Amino acid sequence: MQILLFGDSIAYGAFDRMESGWAARLRKFIDQKLADNDHYFMFYNLGVDGDSTKELLKRMESEIIPRLKEPQTMIIISLGGRDAVTEIATGKTYTSTLEFEENLKKIIGIARKYTTKLLFVGVVGPRDESKTHPIEWMPEYASENKYIKKFNGIERRVCKENGVHFIDIFSKFEKLDYKSLLEDGIHPNSKGHKKVFSMVRSYLVKKELLKNEMP
């Protein structure tokens, strides 16, 4: 099986100096616990810093096709935070809610051409707003929890309406001391990445999404 992860800098693993991100931890888990001579996995982390649904649509299919090496494919999508940032001068989100919903539907449509195993990892949040208004490296933008929550809700609804697996990271983090899990107000630190990994791993095991490949 090949597992293709599409996402942003959090999916890529930014600021996890211990294990290189939740996705790298997931790959390590699969390699150590599931893979053997009869059960082979290729895990591709295709996270790109700053990606939104707009950017993903431009590259998604061209990234999938050359990686179709194994009989089965799983696609994991983890983004939305960039879509939800707001331009301070205008108050407009980077992606409008209508465009975001349409982009999600298009992403699902592309993914389903290549797999029946599709999982969305919801927006990783909330934010520590004391550090994200403005965003240090994008001072013209802010990242606010009311928009993160709204976009995460759209993603959850679209997945439900289309029968797609969805992990609500935002709601789970909301119940934790989430500020202690963040490096810069947006990106998880090593502890935060470990939490995301644990949630994704538990979901995959519970839903038996890797069942056919397990020993």
Protein backbone atom coordinates (compact mmCIF):
# COMPACT_ATOMS: atom_id res chain seq x y z
CA MET A 1 0.00 0.00 0.00
CA GLN A 2 1.12 3.54 -0.66
CA ILE A 3 -0.04 6.23 1.78
CA LEU A 4 -0.01 9.76 0.39
CA LEU A 5 -0.26 12.62 2.87
CA PHE A 6 -1.12 16.05 1.49
CA GLY A 7 -1.02 19.09 3.72
CA ASP A 8 0.74 22.18 4.98
CA SER A 9 3.74 22.87 7.23
CA ILE A 10 2.11 21.07 10.16
CA ALA A 11 1.68 17.96 8.03
CA TYR A 12 5.29 18.36 6.90
CA GLY A 13 6.38 18.33 10.55
CA ALA A 14 7.52 21.86 11.31
CA PHE A 15 8.87 22.44 14.85
CA ASP A 16 8.96 18.81 15.94
CA ARG A 17 12.68 18.64 16.65
CA MET A 18 12.39 15.23 18.30
CA GLU A 19 10.54 13.13 15.74
CA SER A 20 10.06 15.38 12.67
CA GLY A 21 6.29 15.66 12.98
CA TRP A 22 3.15 13.64 13.52
CA ALA A 23 3.33 12.17 10.03
CA ALA A 24 6.91 10.98 10.52
CA ARG A 25 5.79 9.37 13.78
CA LEU A 26 2.96 7.66 11.88
CA ARG A 27 5.36 6.36 9.25
CA LYS A 28 7.64 5.02 11.98
CA PHE A 29 4.70 3.28 13.67
CA ILE A 30 3.64 1.65 10.41
CA ASP A 31 7.17 0.57 9.55
CA GLN A 32 7.80 -0.91 12.99
CA LYS A 33 4.40 -2.38 13.86
CA LEU A 34 2.74 -3.28 10.58
CA ALA A 35 5.27 -3.79 7.80
CA ASP A 36 6.95 -7.15 7.26
CA ASN A 37 7.99 -9.27 4.28
CA ASP A 38 4.37 -9.81 3.26
CA HIS A 39 2.95 -6.37 4.10
CA TYR A 40 4.70 -3.45 2.45
CA PHE A 41 3.97 0.26 2.86
CA MET A 42 5.29 3.34 1.07
CA PHE A 43 4.56 6.52 3.03
CA TYR A 44 4.90 9.80 1.11
CA ASN A 45 4.78 13.04 3.09
CA LEU A 46 3.71 15.62 0.51
CA GLY A 47 3.14 18.47 2.95
CA VAL A 48 4.15 21.91 1.65
CA ASP A 49 4.69 24.97 3.83
CA GLY A 50 1.87 27.48 3.40
CA ASP A 51 -0.39 25.25 1.33
CA SER A 52 -4.11 25.91 1.27
CA THR A 53 -6.81 24.06 -0.61
CA LYS A 54 -6.11 26.38 -3.54
CA GLU A 55 -2.49 25.34 -3.86
CA LEU A 56 -3.25 21.67 -3.26
CA LEU A 57 -5.69 21.54 -6.15
CA LYS A 58 -2.96 22.79 -8.49
CA ARG A 59 -0.57 19.95 -7.66
CA MET A 60 -2.58 17.10 -6.21
CA GLU A 61 -3.17 14.90 -9.23
CA SER A 62 0.32 15.37 -10.64
CA GLU A 63 1.72 14.26 -7.27
CA ILE A 64 -0.52 11.18 -7.07
CA ILE A 65 0.01 9.63 -10.49
CA PRO A 66 3.77 8.94 -10.38
CA ARG A 67 3.43 7.35 -6.92
CA LEU A 68 0.89 4.67 -7.82
CA LYS A 69 3.32 1.79 -7.36
CA GLU A 70 1.42 -0.54 -5.02
CA PRO A 71 -1.96 -2.31 -5.45
CA GLN A 72 -3.71 -0.14 -2.83
CA THR A 73 -3.62 3.56 -2.03
CA MET A 74 -4.64 5.61 0.98
CA ILE A 75 -4.82 9.39 0.81
CA ILE A 76 -4.69 11.60 3.91
CA ILE A 77 -5.50 15.32 3.72
CA SER A 78 -4.42 17.70 6.49
CA LEU A 79 -4.83 21.42 5.87
CA GLY A 80 -7.25 24.34 6.22
CA GLY A 81 -5.35 26.60 8.58
CA ARG A 82 -3.93 28.70 5.75
CA ASP A 83 -7.36 29.00 4.16
CA ALA A 84 -8.73 30.42 7.41
CA VAL A 85 -6.18 33.18 8.04
CA THR A 86 -7.58 36.68 7.76
CA GLU A 87 -6.14 39.77 6.13
CA ILE A 88 -6.07 42.31 8.94
CA ALA A 89 -6.75 45.30 6.67
CA THR A 90 -9.91 43.83 5.14
CA GLY A 91 -11.01 41.09 7.54
CA LYS A 92 -11.30 38.68 4.62
CA THR A 93 -10.14 35.10 4.94
CA TYR A 94 -7.46 33.87 2.51
CA THR A 95 -10.08 31.53 1.05
CA SER A 96 -13.75 32.38 1.23
CA THR A 97 -16.00 29.86 2.96
CA LEU A 98 -17.82 29.10 -0.30
CA GLU A 99 -14.58 28.53 -2.19
CA PHE A 100 -13.21 26.43 0.66
CA GLU A 101 -16.24 24.14 0.54
CA GLU A 102 -16.01 23.80 -3.22
CA ASN A 103 -12.28 23.12 -3.04
CA LEU A 104 -12.85 20.36 -0.51
CA LYS A 105 -15.38 18.71 -2.79
CA LYS A 106 -12.94 18.91 -5.71
CA ILE A 107 -10.17 17.41 -3.56
CA ILE A 108 -12.46 14.53 -2.59
CA GLY A 109 -13.36 14.02 -6.24
CA ILE A 110 -9.72 13.80 -7.30
CA ALA A 111 -8.81 11.47 -4.43
CA ARG A 112 -11.67 9.10 -5.20
CA LYS A 113 -10.33 8.54 -8.70
CA TYR A 114 -7.43 6.69 -7.08
CA THR A 115 -8.63 5.31 -3.75
CA THR A 116 -11.57 4.34 -1.58
CA LYS A 117 -9.46 4.99 1.52
CA LEU A 118 -9.62 8.73 2.13
CA LEU A 119 -9.07 10.44 5.48
CA PHE A 120 -9.20 14.12 6.39
CA VAL A 121 -7.29 15.20 9.48
CA GLY A 122 -9.13 18.37 10.50
CA VAL A 123 -7.49 21.73 11.07
CA VAL A 124 -4.84 21.35 13.77
CA GLY A 125 -5.74 23.98 16.35
CA PRO A 126 -6.80 26.04 18.25
CA ARG A 127 -4.31 28.92 18.10
CA ASP A 128 -2.69 30.93 20.86
CA GLU A 129 -4.15 34.22 19.69
CA SER A 130 -1.73 36.28 21.78
CA LYS A 131 0.89 35.22 19.21
CA THR A 132 -1.15 35.16 16.03
CA HIS A 133 -2.64 38.64 15.71
CA PRO A 134 -0.65 39.45 13.69
CA ILE A 135 1.20 36.36 12.55
CA GLU A 136 4.90 37.03 13.11
CA TRP A 137 6.10 35.92 9.66
CA MET A 138 3.00 37.25 7.85
CA PRO A 139 2.28 40.53 9.67
CA GLU A 140 -0.52 41.49 7.30
CA TYR A 141 -2.47 38.39 8.41
CA ALA A 142 -3.98 37.05 11.62
CA SER A 143 -5.04 33.56 12.66
CA GLU A 144 -8.11 33.64 14.89
CA ASN A 145 -9.88 30.72 16.52
CA LYS A 146 -13.35 31.77 15.44
CA TYR A 147 -12.31 31.33 11.81
CA ILE A 148 -10.25 28.19 12.44
CA LYS A 149 -13.28 26.67 14.16
CA LYS A 150 -15.60 27.74 11.34
CA PHE A 151 -13.40 26.26 8.60
CA ASN A 152 -12.88 23.08 10.59
CA GLY A 153 -16.65 22.79 10.89
CA ILE A 154 -17.08 23.17 7.14
CA GLU A 155 -14.49 20.45 6.59
CA ARG A 156 -16.23 18.15 9.07
CA ARG A 157 -19.62 18.70 7.42
CA VAL A 158 -18.36 18.19 3.86
CA CYS A 159 -16.68 14.95 4.90
CA LYS A 160 -19.85 13.71 6.61
CA GLU A 161 -21.99 14.59 3.59
CA ASN A 162 -19.60 12.74 1.28
CA GLY A 163 -18.97 9.70 3.48
CA VAL A 164 -15.31 10.55 4.08
CA HIS A 165 -13.36 9.75 7.24
CA PHE A 166 -12.65 12.84 9.38
CA ILE A 167 -10.67 13.33 12.59
CA ASP A 168 -11.71 16.42 14.54
CA ILE A 169 -8.32 17.50 15.90
CA PHE A 170 -9.56 20.99 16.73
CA SER A 171 -12.31 19.80 19.07
CA LYS A 172 -9.96 17.34 20.77
CA PHE A 173 -7.25 19.96 21.28
CA GLU A 174 -9.82 22.46 22.54
CA LYS A 175 -10.34 20.24 25.61
CA LEU A 176 -6.61 20.16 26.38
CA ASP A 177 -4.09 22.72 27.61
CA TYR A 178 -3.49 23.40 23.92
CA LYS A 179 -1.24 26.43 24.37
CA SER A 180 1.36 24.17 25.96
CA LEU A 181 1.27 22.05 22.79
CA LEU A 182 2.16 24.94 20.48
CA GLU A 183 5.58 26.25 19.44
CA ASP A 184 4.69 29.66 17.99
CA GLY A 185 0.96 29.97 18.49
CA ILE A 186 0.14 28.01 15.34
CA HIS A 187 2.47 25.05 14.85
CA PRO A 188 2.54 22.20 17.37
CA ASN A 189 5.71 21.55 19.31
CA SER A 190 6.99 17.99 19.77
CA LYS A 191 4.34 17.27 22.42
CA GLY A 192 1.64 18.61 20.14
CA HIS A 193 2.78 16.54 17.18
CA LYS A 194 2.82 13.49 19.43
CA LYS A 195 -0.81 14.18 20.39
CA VAL A 196 -1.86 14.50 16.75
CA PHE A 197 -0.04 11.29 15.87
CA SER A 198 -1.78 9.46 18.73
CA MET A 199 -5.20 10.64 17.54
CA VAL A 200 -4.54 9.67 13.92
CA ARG A 201 -3.06 6.28 14.86
CA SER A 202 -6.01 5.49 17.14
CA TYR A 203 -8.49 6.38 14.42
CA LEU A 204 -6.73 4.27 11.79
CA VAL A 205 -6.65 1.28 14.15
CA LYS A 206 -10.24 1.74 15.35
CA LYS A 207 -11.62 2.05 11.82
CA GLU A 208 -9.38 -0.78 10.59
CA LEU A 209 -8.24 1.29 7.61
CA LEU A 210 -5.02 -0.70 7.45
CA LYS A 211 -6.64 -4.03 8.22
CA ASN A 212 -5.92 -5.72 4.89
CA GLU A 213 -2.23 -4.95 5.25
CA MET A 214 -1.84 -5.92 8.88
CA PRO A 215 -0.12 -9.21 9.75
